[in-house]
Protein backbone atom coordinates (compact mmCIF):
# COMPACT_ATOMS: atom_id res chain seq x y z
CA MET A 1 103.03 326.93 -75.53
CA THR A 2 104.45 329.07 -72.77
CA SER A 3 106.44 327.93 -69.77
CA ASP A 4 103.17 327.93 -67.82
CA GLN A 5 101.69 325.28 -70.10
CA LEU A 6 102.18 321.56 -69.73
CA THR A 7 102.22 318.87 -72.41
CA SER A 8 99.28 316.64 -73.27
CA ASP A 9 101.03 313.74 -71.49
CA GLN A 10 101.11 315.81 -68.31
CA LEU A 11 97.49 316.92 -68.65
CA ILE A 12 96.04 313.42 -69.01
CA SER A 13 97.25 310.19 -67.45
CA ASP A 14 97.54 306.81 -69.18
CA GLN A 15 93.87 306.38 -68.38
CA LEU A 16 91.51 309.15 -67.34
CA THR A 17 90.60 308.94 -63.67
CA SER A 18 87.31 310.01 -62.09
CA ASP A 19 88.75 313.29 -60.82
CA GLN A 20 89.89 314.18 -64.36
CA LEU A 21 86.49 313.56 -65.94
CA GLY A 22 83.56 315.91 -66.15
CA SER A 23 81.84 318.56 -68.23
CA PHE A 24 81.53 322.30 -67.74
CA GLY A 25 78.56 324.33 -68.99
CA PHE A 26 78.40 328.08 -69.48
CA LEU A 27 75.54 330.57 -69.40
CA PRO A 28 75.68 333.80 -71.45
CA SER A 29 77.85 336.23 -69.52
CA GLY A 30 77.94 339.30 -71.75
CA THR A 31 75.44 341.91 -72.87
CA PHE A 32 75.02 340.83 -76.52
CA ALA A 33 71.56 339.50 -77.30
CA ASP A 34 73.16 337.09 -79.78
CA GLU A 35 76.91 336.69 -79.29
CA PRO A 36 78.89 336.01 -82.50
CA LEU A 37 80.67 333.14 -80.72
CA SER A 38 79.86 331.45 -77.46
CA LEU A 39 81.08 328.38 -75.62
CA LEU A 40 78.16 326.24 -74.45
CA ASP A 41 79.87 323.30 -72.79
CA PHE A 42 82.91 321.06 -73.05
CA GLY A 43 84.47 318.21 -71.16
CA LEU A 44 86.40 314.97 -70.90
CA GLU A 45 84.27 311.83 -70.97
CA VAL A 46 84.65 308.05 -70.98
CA ARG A 47 82.20 305.57 -72.47
CA GLN A 48 82.41 301.82 -71.88
CA ASN A 49 79.89 298.97 -71.60
CA GLU A 50 76.93 301.25 -72.25
CA SER A 51 74.61 302.42 -74.99
CA TYR A 52 76.12 305.57 -76.50
CA ASP A 53 74.66 306.50 -79.88
CA TYR A 54 73.74 309.97 -81.16
CA ASN A 55 72.08 310.84 -84.46
CA ASN A 56 72.86 314.49 -85.19
CA ALA A 57 69.71 314.86 -87.29
CA ASP A 58 67.61 314.29 -84.17
CA ARG A 59 69.47 316.45 -81.64
CA ASP A 60 67.39 318.83 -79.53
CA TYR A 61 69.92 321.66 -79.79
CA SER A 62 71.82 323.51 -82.50
CA GLY A 63 75.41 324.66 -82.83
CA TYR A 64 78.70 322.94 -83.53
CA LEU A 65 80.28 319.90 -81.93
CA PHE A 66 83.97 318.97 -81.97
CA GLN A 67 85.01 315.60 -80.52
CA TYR A 68 88.59 314.29 -80.27
CA THR A 69 89.55 310.73 -79.37
CA LEU A 70 92.20 310.50 -76.66
CA LYS A 71 92.16 306.72 -76.20
CA GLY A 72 90.10 303.77 -77.37
CA GLN A 73 87.79 304.28 -80.33
CA GLY A 74 84.33 305.22 -81.45
CA VAL A 75 82.58 305.27 -84.81
CA PHE A 76 81.44 308.21 -86.95
CA GLU A 77 78.99 307.74 -89.80
CA GLY A 78 78.25 310.37 -92.44
CA GLU A 79 76.50 310.28 -95.76
CA GLY A 80 77.93 307.27 -97.54
CA PHE A 81 80.84 306.49 -95.23
CA SER A 82 81.77 305.14 -91.81
CA GLU A 83 85.03 305.67 -89.92
CA ARG A 84 86.61 304.34 -86.75
CA LEU A 85 87.71 307.25 -84.58
CA THR A 86 91.01 306.01 -83.17
CA PRO A 87 93.33 308.13 -80.96
CA GLY A 88 94.23 311.38 -82.68
CA ARG A 89 91.11 311.40 -84.88
CA ALA A 90 88.40 314.01 -84.46
CA PHE A 91 85.11 315.05 -86.01
CA LEU A 92 83.47 318.45 -86.43
CA VAL A 93 79.75 318.67 -87.12
CA SER A 94 77.06 321.31 -87.39
CA VAL A 95 73.90 320.29 -85.57
CA PRO A 96 71.48 319.34 -87.00
CA GLU A 97 73.01 317.37 -89.86
CA ASN A 98 72.76 313.86 -91.26
CA SER A 99 75.50 312.11 -89.30
CA ARG A 100 75.89 309.81 -86.32
CA TYR A 101 78.53 308.82 -83.78
CA PHE A 102 78.46 305.93 -81.35
CA LEU A 103 80.36 303.48 -79.17
CA PRO A 104 80.86 300.24 -81.09
CA PRO A 105 78.47 297.60 -79.69
CA HIS A 106 79.59 294.14 -78.57
CA ASP A 107 83.07 295.41 -77.69
CA ALA A 108 83.26 295.21 -73.91
CA ASP A 109 87.01 295.83 -73.82
CA ASN A 110 86.78 299.13 -75.67
CA ARG A 111 86.98 302.24 -73.51
CA TRP A 112 86.38 305.41 -75.55
CA GLU A 113 88.01 308.43 -73.93
CA TYR A 114 87.44 311.74 -75.66
CA LEU A 115 87.42 315.51 -75.42
CA TYR A 116 84.36 317.33 -76.72
CA VAL A 117 83.50 321.01 -77.28
CA HIS A 118 80.01 322.37 -78.01
CA PHE A 119 79.73 325.98 -79.22
CA GLN A 120 77.59 328.24 -81.36
CA GLY A 121 77.60 331.58 -83.19
CA GLU A 122 77.61 332.99 -86.71
CA ALA A 123 81.33 333.71 -86.52
CA ALA A 124 81.99 329.96 -86.52
CA ARG A 125 80.39 329.45 -89.94
CA PRO A 126 83.37 330.53 -92.12
CA PHE A 127 85.75 328.30 -90.16
CA PHE A 128 83.36 325.35 -90.29
CA SER A 129 82.76 325.75 -94.03
CA ARG A 130 86.49 325.95 -94.75
CA ILE A 131 87.35 322.90 -92.63
CA ARG A 132 84.51 320.74 -93.91
CA SER A 133 85.12 321.60 -97.58
CA ALA A 134 88.88 320.99 -97.38
CA PHE A 135 89.14 318.13 -94.87
CA GLY A 136 85.70 316.64 -94.42
CA PRO A 137 83.97 315.90 -91.11
CA CYS A 138 86.82 313.72 -89.76
CA PHE A 139 90.51 314.55 -89.53
CA SER A 140 93.69 313.92 -87.53
CA LEU A 141 95.31 316.23 -84.97
CA PRO A 142 98.52 315.82 -82.97
CA ALA A 143 97.80 315.28 -79.27
CA ASP A 144 100.15 318.16 -78.43
CA SER A 145 98.68 320.61 -80.96
CA LEU A 146 97.20 323.88 -79.73
CA PRO A 147 93.56 323.02 -80.62
CA VAL A 148 93.77 320.04 -78.25
CA LEU A 149 95.98 321.49 -75.51
CA LEU A 150 93.83 324.62 -75.24
CA TRP A 151 90.87 322.59 -73.95
CA LEU A 152 92.91 320.16 -71.87
CA GLU A 153 94.56 323.05 -70.06
CA LEU A 154 91.25 324.88 -69.56
CA HIS A 155 89.67 321.71 -68.17
CA ARG A 156 92.50 321.37 -65.66
CA ASP A 157 92.24 325.05 -64.69
CA LEU A 158 88.47 324.87 -64.18
CA ARG A 159 88.83 321.74 -62.04
CA GLU A 160 91.22 323.75 -59.88
CA GLY A 161 88.68 326.55 -59.41
CA ARG A 162 89.22 329.05 -62.21
CA ARG A 163 86.14 330.76 -63.66
CA LEU A 164 85.72 332.26 -67.11
CA GLN A 165 85.31 336.02 -67.41
CA SER A 166 82.70 337.77 -69.56
CA TYR A 167 83.13 336.98 -73.28
CA GLU A 168 86.11 334.70 -72.53
CA GLY A 169 84.25 331.65 -73.80
CA GLY A 170 83.79 333.22 -77.22
CA GLU A 171 87.41 334.31 -77.24
CA LEU A 172 88.52 330.74 -76.52
CA VAL A 173 86.30 329.36 -79.29
CA TYR A 174 87.76 331.83 -81.80
CA ARG A 175 91.29 330.88 -80.75
CA PHE A 176 90.38 327.22 -81.08
CA LEU A 177 88.89 327.60 -84.56
CA SER A 178 91.82 329.71 -85.76
CA SER A 179 94.41 327.26 -84.45
CA LEU A 180 92.43 324.27 -85.74
CA THR A 181 92.29 325.71 -89.24
CA ARG A 182 95.96 326.67 -89.17
CA THR A 183 97.02 323.23 -87.92
CA LEU A 184 95.01 321.41 -90.59
CA GLU A 185 96.15 323.68 -93.41
CA SER A 186 99.85 323.72 -92.51
CA PRO A 187 100.72 320.36 -90.91
CA SER A 188 104.39 320.77 -91.84
CA LEU A 189 104.62 323.63 -89.35
CA PHE A 190 104.00 321.09 -86.61
CA GLU A 191 106.55 318.51 -87.76
CA PRO A 192 109.83 319.46 -86.06
CA SER A 193 112.95 319.50 -88.20
CA ALA A 194 116.02 317.39 -87.36
CA PRO A 195 117.72 319.99 -85.09
CA VAL A 196 114.54 320.51 -83.09
CA THR A 197 113.86 316.79 -82.81
CA GLU A 198 117.45 316.16 -81.74
CA GLY A 199 117.27 319.02 -79.24
CA ILE A 200 114.13 317.60 -77.64
CA ARG A 201 115.69 314.14 -77.51
CA TYR A 202 118.76 315.53 -75.76
CA MET A 203 116.60 317.39 -73.24
CA LYS A 204 114.64 314.25 -72.38
CA GLU A 205 117.80 312.18 -71.95
CA HIS A 206 119.88 314.74 -70.04
CA PHE A 207 117.37 316.96 -68.21
CA ASP A 208 119.02 316.05 -64.90
CA ARG A 209 122.25 317.75 -65.97
CA ARG A 210 122.88 321.47 -65.87
CA PHE A 211 123.36 322.88 -69.35
CA SER A 212 122.35 326.10 -71.08
CA ILE A 213 120.41 326.54 -74.29
CA GLU A 214 123.59 328.08 -75.73
CA GLU A 215 125.46 324.85 -74.96
CA LEU A 216 122.70 322.73 -76.47
CA ALA A 217 122.61 324.84 -79.63
CA ALA A 218 126.40 324.59 -79.97
CA ARG A 219 126.16 320.82 -79.64
CA LEU A 220 123.76 320.88 -82.60
CA GLY A 221 126.07 323.17 -84.59
CA LEU A 222 123.74 326.18 -84.42
CA SER A 223 123.80 329.60 -82.83
CA ALA A 224 121.59 330.00 -79.78
CA ALA A 225 119.55 332.73 -81.48
CA TYR A 226 118.84 330.69 -84.60
CA PHE A 227 118.06 327.52 -82.62
CA THR A 228 115.65 329.44 -80.40
CA ARG A 229 113.83 330.97 -83.40
CA LEU A 230 113.63 327.61 -85.16
CA PHE A 231 112.49 325.77 -82.04
CA THR A 232 109.86 328.37 -81.16
CA ARG A 233 108.47 328.54 -84.69
CA GLN A 234 108.10 324.77 -84.95
CA THR A 235 106.90 323.91 -81.44
CA GLY A 236 105.19 327.07 -80.21
CA GLN A 237 107.42 327.34 -77.14
CA THR A 238 110.99 328.36 -76.42
CA PRO A 239 113.68 325.72 -75.82
CA LEU A 240 113.95 326.82 -72.19
CA ALA A 241 110.19 326.44 -71.69
CA CYS A 242 110.35 322.93 -73.16
CA LEU A 243 113.31 321.98 -70.98
CA ASN A 244 111.65 323.34 -67.86
CA GLY A 245 108.48 321.39 -68.71
CA ILE A 246 110.45 318.14 -68.94
CA ARG A 247 112.22 318.89 -65.67
CA LEU A 248 108.95 319.82 -63.93
CA SER A 249 107.32 316.58 -65.03
CA HIS A 250 110.08 314.59 -63.32
CA ALA A 251 110.02 316.91 -60.33
CA VAL A 252 106.32 316.15 -59.80
CA PHE A 253 107.11 312.44 -59.76
CA LEU A 254 109.85 312.93 -57.16
CA LEU A 255 107.69 315.18 -54.99
CA LEU A 256 104.86 312.66 -54.91
CA ASN A 257 106.87 309.46 -54.64
CA THR A 258 110.04 310.20 -52.66
CA THR A 259 111.09 311.95 -49.46
CA LEU A 260 113.85 313.96 -51.14
CA SER A 261 114.14 317.54 -49.89
CA ILE A 262 113.10 320.38 -52.18
CA ASP A 263 116.76 321.23 -52.85
CA GLU A 264 117.49 317.58 -53.66
CA VAL A 265 114.54 317.42 -56.06
CA ALA A 266 115.72 320.61 -57.75
CA LEU A 267 119.26 319.33 -58.27
CA SER A 268 118.02 315.90 -59.41
CA CYS A 269 116.01 317.59 -62.15
CA GLY A 270 118.78 319.87 -63.41
CA PHE A 271 117.69 323.12 -61.77
CA SER A 272 120.53 325.33 -60.55
CA CYS A 273 119.11 325.72 -57.05
CA GLY A 274 116.03 325.21 -54.92
CA ASN A 275 114.96 328.86 -55.10
CA TYR A 276 114.89 328.91 -58.90
CA PHE A 277 113.08 325.56 -58.96
CA CYS A 278 110.43 326.90 -56.57
CA LYS A 279 109.91 329.97 -58.76
CA VAL A 280 109.47 327.92 -61.94
CA PHE A 281 107.26 325.34 -60.21
CA ARG A 282 104.94 327.96 -58.70
CA ARG A 283 104.60 329.75 -62.04
CA ALA A 284 103.58 326.49 -63.75
CA SER A 285 101.31 324.99 -61.07
CA GLY A 286 100.17 327.78 -58.77
CA PHE A 287 101.71 325.97 -55.79
CA SER A 288 105.11 325.89 -54.18
CA PRO A 289 106.74 322.43 -54.36
CA ALA A 290 106.13 321.95 -50.63
CA GLN A 291 102.45 322.93 -50.96
CA TYR A 292 102.03 320.61 -53.93
CA ARG A 293 103.58 317.69 -52.02
CA ARG A 294 101.34 318.29 -49.01
CA LYS A 295 98.22 318.55 -51.18
CA TYR A 296 98.79 315.68 -53.60
CA GLY A 297 101.49 313.48 -52.02
CA ARG A 298 100.81 310.21 -50.31
CA GLN A 299 100.44 311.85 -46.93
CA GLY A 300 97.89 314.28 -48.34
CA ARG A 301 95.71 311.67 -50.02
CA PRO A 302 92.53 310.47 -48.31
């Protein structure tokens, strides 16, 4: 992730709210008669106390469907097996095929929250064949892995008014399939080593203090250059980007729930000054801290 990206915890709340839900559909935007990859639709949905049951052999469309459980659970049935899709579990199917997924009946307390992506194109076939042959239709993914964050971030951006450019949907699908295959094939790459884990723990516990990455690396007994390479390789973002993300998350809370000045918020979150805080905040959110507070704070809510 880059410093402009937020974590999965920041992209979805403890429970999806109505303004976070919704699906986005896409019409062909390029000049290819038959694009090698195209994004058809995707979204965040919630199912509860309703009939939700799809047999993929009877679908009225073709293509591929990826669905990832965020909270709650659903059920996936394939040939000869049935699995509960708990948080972190996903399925990938090619429609039509002999499989089914549904909300468990007679479970009024269950609220199935999930991310889904529907796409098509011949370029998806090699990825699909590799994933299905090696891992089957159902598999686990970390909530903060790139295949998940890519769609959560796009969903947030589209809710805020961004529009996809020509061929961008296919580009996103290729990036998704590449990162999905890489994540499944090399899970150890996404399990931080002790220095990285300890570094993240220290950031979360001391984000309100001013310290440099050089100081953090020294505390861990490493050079700043080596710690940065190790951290970036294992998490996909630099230590500074991670630290700024933690600080920004707390800054959002203070902006929305206190009357602290911008400078006071900045200092409370470990930023050196209000100006630097404003620069980092605008780069991550598209708003200045003051604009964000006016738009989403208590006084800006209907």
